[in-house]
Amino acid sequence: TGPAFLLNAASFAAVLFGISRMNVAALYRAEPTPR
């Protein structure tokens, strides 16, 4: 089972790469809720 956990840990790099490469200006951002 150990290698399965390690492979999952490595897989998070994919979603982090995708988020970091997004064009922020093209997002349809909702207005943040003020405190």
Full PDB file with SEQRES, HELIX, SHEET, SSBOND, CRYST1, ORIGX, SCALE, CONECT and MASTER records, all heavy atoms in Angstrom:
SEQRES   1 A   35  THR GLY PRO ALA PHE LEU LEU ASN ALA ALA SER PHE ALA          
SEQRES   2 A   35  ALA VAL LEU PHE GLY ILE SER ARG MET ASN VAL ALA ALA          
SEQRES   3 A   35  LEU TYR ARG ALA GLU PRO THR PRO ARG                          
HELIX    1 AA1 GLY A    2  SER A   20  1                                  19    
HELIX    2 AA2 VAL A   24  ALA A   26  5                                   3    
CRYST1    1.000    1.000    1.000  90.00  90.00  90.00 P 1           1          
ORIGX1      1.000000  0.000000  0.000000        0.00000                         
ORIGX2      0.000000  1.000000  0.000000        0.00000                         
ORIGX3      0.000000  0.000000  1.000000        0.00000                         
SCALE1      1.000000  0.000000  0.000000        0.00000                         
SCALE2      0.000000  1.000000  0.000000        0.00000                         
SCALE3      0.000000  0.000000  1.000000        0.00000                         
ATOM      1  N   THR A   1       0.800  -1.233   0.000  1.00  0.00           N  
ATOM      2  CA  THR A   1       0.000   0.000   0.000  1.00  0.00           C  
ATOM      3  C   THR A   1       0.831   1.281   0.000  1.00  0.00           C  
ATOM      4  O   THR A   1       0.381   2.323  -0.474  1.00  0.00           O  
ATOM      5  CB  THR A   1      -0.927   0.026   1.224  1.00  0.00           C  
ATOM      6  OG1 THR A   1      -0.145  -0.131   2.409  1.00  0.00           O  
ATOM      7  CG2 THR A   1      -1.956  -1.088   1.155  1.00  0.00           C  
ATOM      8  N   GLY A   2       2.062   1.227   0.539  1.00  0.00           N  
ATOM      9  CA  GLY A   2       2.872   2.439   0.672  1.00  0.00           C  
ATOM     10  C   GLY A   2       3.069   3.211  -0.617  1.00  0.00           C  
ATOM     11  O   GLY A   2       2.840   4.433  -0.667  1.00  0.00           O  
ATOM     12  N   PRO A   3       3.501   2.566  -1.705  1.00  0.00           N  
ATOM     13  CA  PRO A   3       3.698   3.303  -2.958  1.00  0.00           C  
ATOM     14  C   PRO A   3       2.436   3.972  -3.481  1.00  0.00           C  
ATOM     15  O   PRO A   3       2.514   4.998  -4.164  1.00  0.00           O  
ATOM     16  CB  PRO A   3       4.193   2.209  -3.916  1.00  0.00           C  
ATOM     17  CG  PRO A   3       4.868   1.216  -3.028  1.00  0.00           C  
ATOM     18  CD  PRO A   3       4.039   1.196  -1.781  1.00  0.00           C  
ATOM     19  N   ALA A   4       1.262   3.409  -3.197  1.00  0.00           N  
ATOM     20  CA  ALA A   4       0.022   4.050  -3.641  1.00  0.00           C  
ATOM     21  C   ALA A   4      -0.148   5.419  -2.981  1.00  0.00           C  
ATOM     22  O   ALA A   4      -0.577   6.384  -3.619  1.00  0.00           O  
ATOM     23  CB  ALA A   4      -1.180   3.152  -3.321  1.00  0.00           C  
ATOM     24  N   PHE A   5       0.201   5.508  -1.697  1.00  0.00           N  
ATOM     25  CA  PHE A   5       0.124   6.796  -1.000  1.00  0.00           C  
ATOM     26  C   PHE A   5       1.139   7.791  -1.568  1.00  0.00           C  
ATOM     27  O   PHE A   5       0.848   8.978  -1.738  1.00  0.00           O  
ATOM     28  CB  PHE A   5       0.360   6.616   0.496  1.00  0.00           C  
ATOM     29  CG  PHE A   5      -0.656   5.743   1.179  1.00  0.00           C  
ATOM     30  CD1 PHE A   5      -0.262   4.613   1.869  1.00  0.00           C  
ATOM     31  CD2 PHE A   5      -2.004   6.041   1.125  1.00  0.00           C  
ATOM     32  CE1 PHE A   5      -1.191   3.802   2.507  1.00  0.00           C  
ATOM     33  CE2 PHE A   5      -2.945   5.242   1.756  1.00  0.00           C  
ATOM     34  CZ  PHE A   5      -2.546   4.125   2.444  1.00  0.00           C  
ATOM     35  N   LEU A   6       2.323   7.320  -1.872  1.00  0.00           N  
ATOM     36  CA  LEU A   6       3.361   8.206  -2.413  1.00  0.00           C  
ATOM     37  C   LEU A   6       2.979   8.722  -3.800  1.00  0.00           C  
ATOM     38  O   LEU A   6       3.224   9.899  -4.126  1.00  0.00           O  
ATOM     39  CB  LEU A   6       4.705   7.477  -2.462  1.00  0.00           C  
ATOM     40  CG  LEU A   6       5.282   7.072  -1.103  1.00  0.00           C  
ATOM     41  CD1 LEU A   6       6.583   6.288  -1.286  1.00  0.00           C  
ATOM     42  CD2 LEU A   6       5.518   8.298  -0.223  1.00  0.00           C  
ATOM     43  N   LEU A   7       2.393   7.866  -4.617  1.00  0.00           N  
ATOM     44  CA  LEU A   7       1.937   8.304  -5.936  1.00  0.00           C  
ATOM     45  C   LEU A   7       0.827   9.341  -5.817  1.00  0.00           C  
ATOM     46  O   LEU A   7       0.771  10.305  -6.599  1.00  0.00           O  
ATOM     47  CB  LEU A   7       1.459   7.103  -6.754  1.00  0.00           C  
ATOM     48  CG  LEU A   7       2.555   6.178  -7.289  1.00  0.00           C  
ATOM     49  CD1 LEU A   7       1.944   4.927  -7.919  1.00  0.00           C  
ATOM     50  CD2 LEU A   7       3.412   6.915  -8.324  1.00  0.00           C  
ATOM     51  N   ASN A   8      -0.052   9.172  -4.846  1.00  0.00           N  
ATOM     52  CA  ASN A   8      -1.092  10.179  -4.639  1.00  0.00           C  
ATOM     53  C   ASN A   8      -0.473  11.515  -4.236  1.00  0.00           C  
ATOM     54  O   ASN A   8      -0.904  12.572  -4.705  1.00  0.00           O  
ATOM     55  CB  ASN A   8      -2.080   9.721  -3.560  1.00  0.00           C  
ATOM     56  CG  ASN A   8      -3.160  10.757  -3.302  1.00  0.00           C  
ATOM     57  OD1 ASN A   8      -3.713  11.338  -4.234  1.00  0.00           O  
ATOM     58  ND2 ASN A   8      -3.456  11.007  -2.042  1.00  0.00           N  
ATOM     59  N   ALA A   9       0.519  11.490  -3.367  1.00  0.00           N  
ATOM     60  CA  ALA A   9       1.191  12.734  -2.970  1.00  0.00           C  
ATOM     61  C   ALA A   9       1.764  13.456  -4.189  1.00  0.00           C  
ATOM     62  O   ALA A   9       1.635  14.678  -4.332  1.00  0.00           O  
ATOM     63  CB  ALA A   9       2.297  12.428  -1.962  1.00  0.00           C  
ATOM     64  N   ALA A  10       2.373  12.691  -5.093  1.00  0.00           N  
ATOM     65  CA  ALA A  10       2.951  13.295  -6.301  1.00  0.00           C  
ATOM     66  C   ALA A  10       1.878  13.848  -7.228  1.00  0.00           C  
ATOM     67  O   ALA A  10       2.105  14.837  -7.945  1.00  0.00           O  
ATOM     68  CB  ALA A  10       3.799  12.255  -7.040  1.00  0.00           C  
ATOM     69  N   SER A  11       0.696  13.253  -7.221  1.00  0.00           N  
ATOM     70  CA  SER A  11      -0.363  13.671  -8.152  1.00  0.00           C  
ATOM     71  C   SER A  11      -0.890  15.072  -7.878  1.00  0.00           C  
ATOM     72  O   SER A  11      -1.457  15.715  -8.768  1.00  0.00           O  
ATOM     73  CB  SER A  11      -1.525  12.668  -8.111  1.00  0.00           C  
ATOM     74  OG  SER A  11      -2.288  12.801  -6.919  1.00  0.00           O  
ATOM     75  N   PHE A  12      -0.719  15.573  -6.660  1.00  0.00           N  
ATOM     76  CA  PHE A  12      -1.199  16.921  -6.355  1.00  0.00           C  
ATOM     77  C   PHE A  12      -0.430  17.986  -7.128  1.00  0.00           C  
ATOM     78  O   PHE A  12      -0.918  19.113  -7.299  1.00  0.00           O  
ATOM     79  CB  PHE A  12      -1.102  17.188  -4.843  1.00  0.00           C  
ATOM     80  CG  PHE A  12      -2.198  16.540  -4.043  1.00  0.00           C  
ATOM     81  CD1 PHE A  12      -2.008  15.289  -3.479  1.00  0.00           C  
ATOM     82  CD2 PHE A  12      -3.414  17.176  -3.868  1.00  0.00           C  
ATOM     83  CE1 PHE A  12      -3.015  14.680  -2.752  1.00  0.00           C  
ATOM     84  CE2 PHE A  12      -4.429  16.577  -3.149  1.00  0.00           C  
ATOM     85  CZ  PHE A  12      -4.233  15.330  -2.582  1.00  0.00           C  
ATOM     86  N   ALA A  13       0.768  17.650  -7.601  1.00  0.00           N  
ATOM     87  CA  ALA A  13       1.537  18.608  -8.390  1.00  0.00           C  
ATOM     88  C   ALA A  13       0.809  18.987  -9.672  1.00  0.00           C  
ATOM     89  O   ALA A  13       0.932  20.107 -10.167  1.00  0.00           O  
ATOM     90  CB  ALA A  13       2.916  18.037  -8.711  1.00  0.00           C  
ATOM     91  N   ALA A  14       0.011  18.082 -10.224  1.00  0.00           N  
ATOM     92  CA  ALA A  14      -0.685  18.350 -11.483  1.00  0.00           C  
ATOM     93  C   ALA A  14      -1.719  19.451 -11.327  1.00  0.00           C  
ATOM     94  O   ALA A  14      -1.797  20.382 -12.145  1.00  0.00           O  
ATOM     95  CB  ALA A  14      -1.354  17.071 -12.002  1.00  0.00           C  
ATOM     96  N   VAL A  15      -2.535  19.376 -10.281  1.00  0.00           N  
ATOM     97  CA  VAL A  15      -3.561  20.395 -10.089  1.00  0.00           C  
ATOM     98  C   VAL A  15      -2.931  21.729  -9.690  1.00  0.00           C  
ATOM     99  O   VAL A  15      -3.397  22.800 -10.090  1.00  0.00           O  
ATOM    100  CB  VAL A  15      -4.620  19.927  -9.062  1.00  0.00           C  
ATOM    101  CG1 VAL A  15      -4.083  19.909  -7.651  1.00  0.00           C  
ATOM    102  CG2 VAL A  15      -5.863  20.796  -9.132  1.00  0.00           C  
ATOM    103  N   LEU A  16      -1.843  21.683  -8.936  1.00  0.00           N  
ATOM    104  CA  LEU A  16      -1.144  22.926  -8.581  1.00  0.00           C  
ATOM    105  C   LEU A  16      -0.559  23.597  -9.817  1.00  0.00           C  
ATOM    106  O   LEU A  16      -0.611  24.824  -9.961  1.00  0.00           O  
ATOM    107  CB  LEU A  16      -0.044  22.634  -7.558  1.00  0.00           C  
ATOM    108  CG  LEU A  16      -0.528  22.273  -6.143  1.00  0.00           C  
ATOM    109  CD1 LEU A  16       0.640  21.766  -5.300  1.00  0.00           C  
ATOM    110  CD2 LEU A  16      -1.175  23.493  -5.487  1.00  0.00           C  
ATOM    111  N   PHE A  17      -0.023  22.804 -10.733  1.00  0.00           N  
ATOM    112  CA  PHE A  17       0.506  23.359 -11.979  1.00  0.00           C  
ATOM    113  C   PHE A  17      -0.613  23.996 -12.789  1.00  0.00           C  
ATOM    114  O   PHE A  17      -0.465  25.111 -13.306  1.00  0.00           O  
ATOM    115  CB  PHE A  17       1.187  22.254 -12.790  1.00  0.00           C  
ATOM    116  CG  PHE A  17       1.633  22.695 -14.152  1.00  0.00           C  
ATOM    117  CD1 PHE A  17       2.807  23.409 -14.309  1.00  0.00           C  
ATOM    118  CD2 PHE A  17       0.868  22.410 -15.285  1.00  0.00           C  
ATOM    119  CE1 PHE A  17       3.214  23.833 -15.573  1.00  0.00           C  
ATOM    120  CE2 PHE A  17       1.265  22.817 -16.548  1.00  0.00           C  
ATOM    121  CZ  PHE A  17       2.445  23.531 -16.692  1.00  0.00           C  
ATOM    122  N   GLY A  18      -1.758  23.315 -12.912  1.00  0.00           N  
ATOM    123  CA  GLY A  18      -2.866  23.854 -13.679  1.00  0.00           C  
ATOM    124  C   GLY A  18      -3.379  25.170 -13.125  1.00  0.00           C  
ATOM    125  O   GLY A  18      -3.622  26.124 -13.867  1.00  0.00           O  
ATOM    126  N   ILE A  19      -3.538  25.252 -11.799  1.00  0.00           N  
ATOM    127  CA  ILE A  19      -4.028  26.484 -11.173  1.00  0.00           C  
ATOM    128  C   ILE A  19      -3.033  27.620 -11.370  1.00  0.00           C  
ATOM    129  O   ILE A  19      -3.418  28.760 -11.664  1.00  0.00           O  
ATOM    130  CB  ILE A  19      -4.291  26.240  -9.673  1.00  0.00           C  
ATOM    131  CG1 ILE A  19      -5.454  25.263  -9.483  1.00  0.00           C  
ATOM    132  CG2 ILE A  19      -4.605  27.550  -8.959  1.00  0.00           C  
ATOM    133  CD1 ILE A  19      -5.657  24.839  -8.042  1.00  0.00           C  
ATOM    134  N   SER A  20      -1.757  27.323 -11.240  1.00  0.00           N  
ATOM    135  CA  SER A  20      -0.734  28.374 -11.348  1.00  0.00           C  
ATOM    136  C   SER A  20      -0.620  28.931 -12.764  1.00  0.00           C  
ATOM    137  O   SER A  20      -0.190  30.080 -12.956  1.00  0.00           O  
ATOM    138  CB  SER A  20       0.619  27.836 -10.892  1.00  0.00           C  
ATOM    139  OG  SER A  20       1.093  26.833 -11.778  1.00  0.00           O  
ATOM    140  N   ARG A  21      -0.997  28.152 -13.785  1.00  0.00           N  
ATOM    141  CA  ARG A  21      -0.866  28.574 -15.179  1.00  0.00           C  
ATOM    142  C   ARG A  21      -2.121  29.262 -15.718  1.00  0.00           C  
ATOM    143  O   ARG A  21      -2.152  29.665 -16.875  1.00  0.00           O  
ATOM    144  CB  ARG A  21      -0.555  27.359 -16.052  1.00  0.00           C  
ATOM    145  CG  ARG A  21       0.758  26.667 -15.719  1.00  0.00           C  
ATOM    146  CD  ARG A  21       1.951  27.504 -16.103  1.00  0.00           C  
ATOM    147  NE  ARG A  21       2.034  27.674 -17.560  1.00  0.00           N  
ATOM    148  CZ  ARG A  21       2.932  28.429 -18.166  1.00  0.00           C  
ATOM    149  NH1 ARG A  21       3.800  29.130 -17.446  1.00  0.00           N  
ATOM    150  NH2 ARG A  21       2.945  28.510 -19.475  1.00  0.00           N  
ATOM    151  N   MET A  22      -3.159  29.426 -14.914  1.00  0.00           N  
ATOM    152  CA  MET A  22      -4.403  30.023 -15.400  1.00  0.00           C  
ATOM    153  C   MET A  22      -4.238  31.509 -15.702  1.00  0.00           C  
ATOM    154  O   MET A  22      -3.432  32.211 -15.082  1.00  0.00           O  
ATOM    155  CB  MET A  22      -5.513  29.850 -14.360  1.00  0.00           C  
ATOM    156  CG  MET A  22      -6.080  28.462 -14.289  1.00  0.00           C  
ATOM    157  SD  MET A  22      -7.460  28.385 -13.127  1.00  0.00           S  
ATOM    158  CE  MET A  22      -7.963  26.677 -13.335  1.00  0.00           C  
ATOM    159  N   ASN A  23      -5.044  31.973 -16.673  1.00  0.00           N  
ATOM    160  CA  ASN A  23      -5.118  33.399 -16.991  1.00  0.00           C  
ATOM    161  C   ASN A  23      -6.103  34.042 -16.015  1.00  0.00           C  
ATOM    162  O   ASN A  23      -7.322  33.917 -16.161  1.00  0.00           O  
ATOM    163  CB  ASN A  23      -5.590  33.596 -18.431  1.00  0.00           C  
ATOM    164  CG  ASN A  23      -5.712  35.057 -18.810  1.00  0.00           C  
ATOM    165  OD1 ASN A  23      -5.401  35.959 -18.027  1.00  0.00           O  
ATOM    166  ND2 ASN A  23      -6.176  35.316 -20.025  1.00  0.00           N  
ATOM    167  N   VAL A  24      -5.584  34.723 -15.013  1.00  0.00           N  
ATOM    168  CA  VAL A  24      -6.425  35.277 -13.944  1.00  0.00           C  
ATOM    169  C   VAL A  24      -7.414  36.295 -14.499  1.00  0.00           C  
ATOM    170  O   VAL A  24      -8.560  36.383 -14.042  1.00  0.00           O  
ATOM    171  CB  VAL A  24      -5.538  35.899 -12.845  1.00  0.00           C  
ATOM    172  CG1 VAL A  24      -6.390  36.542 -11.752  1.00  0.00           C  
ATOM    173  CG2 VAL A  24      -4.612  34.844 -12.251  1.00  0.00           C  
ATOM    174  N   ALA A  25      -7.002  37.075 -15.497  1.00  0.00           N  
ATOM    175  CA  ALA A  25      -7.878  38.105 -16.058  1.00  0.00           C  
ATOM    176  C   ALA A  25      -9.111  37.521 -16.734  1.00  0.00           C  
ATOM    177  O   ALA A  25     -10.124  38.211 -16.897  1.00  0.00           O  
ATOM    178  CB  ALA A  25      -7.096  38.963 -17.045  1.00  0.00           C  
ATOM    179  N   ALA A  26      -9.061  36.246 -17.144  1.00  0.00           N  
ATOM    180  CA  ALA A  26     -10.180  35.618 -17.851  1.00  0.00           C  
ATOM    181  C   ALA A  26     -11.156  34.920 -16.911  1.00  0.00           C  
ATOM    182  O   ALA A  26     -12.149  34.356 -17.367  1.00  0.00           O  
ATOM    183  CB  ALA A  26      -9.657  34.625 -18.883  1.00  0.00           C  
ATOM    184  N   LEU A  27     -10.905  34.961 -15.601  1.00  0.00           N  
ATOM    185  CA  LEU A  27     -11.806  34.334 -14.643  1.00  0.00           C  
ATOM    186  C   LEU A  27     -13.056  35.184 -14.427  1.00  0.00           C  
ATOM    187  O   LEU A  27     -13.008  36.406 -14.505  1.00  0.00           O  
ATOM    188  CB  LEU A  27     -11.100  34.114 -13.303  1.00  0.00           C  
ATOM    189  CG  LEU A  27      -9.915  33.136 -13.305  1.00  0.00           C  
ATOM    190  CD1 LEU A  27      -9.234  33.123 -11.941  1.00  0.00           C  
ATOM    191  CD2 LEU A  27     -10.363  31.732 -13.683  1.00  0.00           C  
ATOM    192  N   TYR A  28     -14.175  34.537 -14.141  1.00  0.00           N  
ATOM    193  CA  TYR A  28     -15.448  35.216 -13.861  1.00  0.00           C  
ATOM    194  C   TYR A  28     -15.603  35.326 -12.345  1.00  0.00           C  
ATOM    195  O   TYR A  28     -16.426  34.650 -11.730  1.00  0.00           O  
ATOM    196  CB  TYR A  28     -16.618  34.436 -14.463  1.00  0.00           C  
ATOM    197  CG  TYR A  28     -16.553  34.299 -15.961  1.00  0.00           C  
ATOM    198  CD1 TYR A  28     -15.776  33.301 -16.554  1.00  0.00           C  
ATOM    199  CD2 TYR A  28     -17.260  35.173 -16.783  1.00  0.00           C  
ATOM    200  CE1 TYR A  28     -15.712  33.166 -17.934  1.00  0.00           C  
ATOM    201  CE2 TYR A  28     -17.198  35.046 -18.167  1.00  0.00           C  
ATOM    202  CZ  TYR A  28     -16.423  34.047 -18.733  1.00  0.00           C  
ATOM    203  OH  TYR A  28     -16.360  33.916 -20.094  1.00  0.00           O  
ATOM    204  N   ARG A  29     -14.819  36.188 -11.757  1.00  0.00           N  
ATOM    205  CA  ARG A  29     -14.743  36.242 -10.297  1.00  0.00           C  
ATOM    206  C   ARG A  29     -15.980  36.893  -9.682  1.00  0.00           C  
ATOM    207  O   ARG A  29     -16.454  37.935 -10.157  1.00  0.00           O  
ATOM    208  CB  ARG A  29     -13.505  37.013  -9.858  1.00  0.00           C  
ATOM    209  CG  ARG A  29     -12.207  36.236 -10.077  1.00  0.00           C  
ATOM    210  CD  ARG A  29     -11.021  37.042  -9.605  1.00  0.00           C  
ATOM    211  NE  ARG A  29      -9.829  36.222  -9.486  1.00  0.00           N  
ATOM    212  CZ  ARG A  29      -8.650  36.684  -9.104  1.00  0.00           C  
ATOM    213  NH1 ARG A  29      -8.515  37.971  -8.801  1.00  0.00           N  
ATOM    214  NH2 ARG A  29      -7.616  35.880  -9.012  1.00  0.00           N  
ATOM    215  N   ALA A  30     -16.470  36.255  -8.623  1.00  0.00           N  
ATOM    216  CA  ALA A  30     -17.543  36.858  -7.840  1.00  0.00           C  
ATOM    217  C   ALA A  30     -16.937  37.895  -6.897  1.00  0.00           C  
ATOM    218  O   ALA A  30     -15.778  37.781  -6.487  1.00  0.00           O  
ATOM    219  CB  ALA A  30     -18.270  35.793  -7.033  1.00  0.00           C  
ATOM    220  N   GLU A  31     -17.719  38.918  -6.557  1.00  0.00           N  
ATOM    221  CA  GLU A  31     -17.255  39.920  -5.612  1.00  0.00           C  
ATOM    222  C   GLU A  31     -17.025  39.276  -4.255  1.00  0.00           C  
ATOM    223  O   GLU A  31     -17.915  38.590  -3.735  1.00  0.00           O  
ATOM    224  CB  GLU A  31     -18.284  41.043  -5.481  1.00  0.00           C  
ATOM    225  CG  GLU A  31     -18.287  42.028  -6.643  1.00  0.00           C  
ATOM    226  CD  GLU A  31     -16.980  42.816  -6.725  1.00  0.00           C  
ATOM    227  OE1 GLU A  31     -16.440  43.205  -5.658  1.00  0.00           O  
ATOM    228  OE2 GLU A  31     -16.483  43.019  -7.846  1.00  0.00           O  
ATOM    229  N   PRO A  32     -15.833  39.467  -3.654  1.00  0.00           N  
ATOM    230  CA  PRO A  32     -15.579  38.868  -2.339  1.00  0.00           C  
ATOM    231  C   PRO A  32     -16.557  39.408  -1.299  1.00  0.00           C  
ATOM    232  O   PRO A  32     -16.936  40.584  -1.335  1.00  0.00           O  
ATOM    233  CB  PRO A  32     -14.141  39.289  -2.022  1.00  0.00           C  
ATOM    234  CG  PRO A  32     -13.538  39.677  -3.331  1.00  0.00           C  
ATOM    235  CD  PRO A  32     -14.661  40.209  -4.161  1.00  0.00           C  
ATOM    236  N   THR A  33     -16.961  38.546  -0.400  1.00  0.00           N  
ATOM    237  CA  THR A  33     -17.829  38.975   0.689  1.00  0.00           C  
ATOM    238  C   THR A  33     -17.008  39.746   1.705  1.00  0.00           C  
ATOM    239  O   THR A  33     -16.013  39.227   2.221  1.00  0.00           O  
ATOM    240  CB  THR A  33     -18.471  37.749   1.375  1.00  0.00           C  
ATOM    241  OG1 THR A  33     -19.261  37.053   0.420  1.00  0.00           O  
ATOM    242  CG2 THR A  33     -19.340  38.173   2.553  1.00  0.00           C  
ATOM    243  N   PRO A  34     -17.348  41.013   1.991  1.00  0.00           N  
ATOM    244  CA  PRO A  34     -16.569  41.788   2.961  1.00  0.00           C  
ATOM    245  C   PRO A  34     -16.734  41.221   4.366  1.00  0.00           C  
ATOM    246  O   PRO A  34     -17.699  40.522   4.674  1.00  0.00           O  
ATOM    247  CB  PRO A  34     -17.174  43.196   2.855  1.00  0.00           C  
ATOM    248  CG  PRO A  34     -18.561  42.966   2.354  1.00  0.00           C  
ATOM    249  CD  PRO A  34     -18.491  41.767   1.458  1.00  0.00           C  
ATOM    250  N   ARG A  35     -15.774  41.544   5.229  1.00  0.00           N  
ATOM    251  CA  ARG A  35     -15.870  41.109   6.611  1.00  0.00           C  
ATOM    252  C   ARG A  35     -17.092  41.719   7.286  1.00  0.00           C  
ATOM    253  O   ARG A  35     -17.463  42.859   7.002  1.00  0.00           O  
ATOM    254  CB  ARG A  35     -14.612  41.507   7.385  1.00  0.00           C  
ATOM    255  CG  ARG A  35     -13.381  40.694   7.015  1.00  0.00           C  
ATOM    256  CD  ARG A  35     -12.189  41.106   7.861  1.00  0.00           C  
ATOM    257  NE  ARG A  35     -11.047  40.251   7.609  1.00  0.00           N  
ATOM    258  CZ  ARG A  35     -10.803  39.111   8.229  1.00  0.00           C  
ATOM    259  NH1 ARG A  35     -11.645  38.693   9.162  1.00  0.00           N  
ATOM    260  NH2 ARG A  35      -9.742  38.395   7.949  1.00  0.00           N  
TER     261      ARG A  35                                                      
MASTER        0    0    0    2    0    0    0    6  260    1    0    3          
END                                                                             
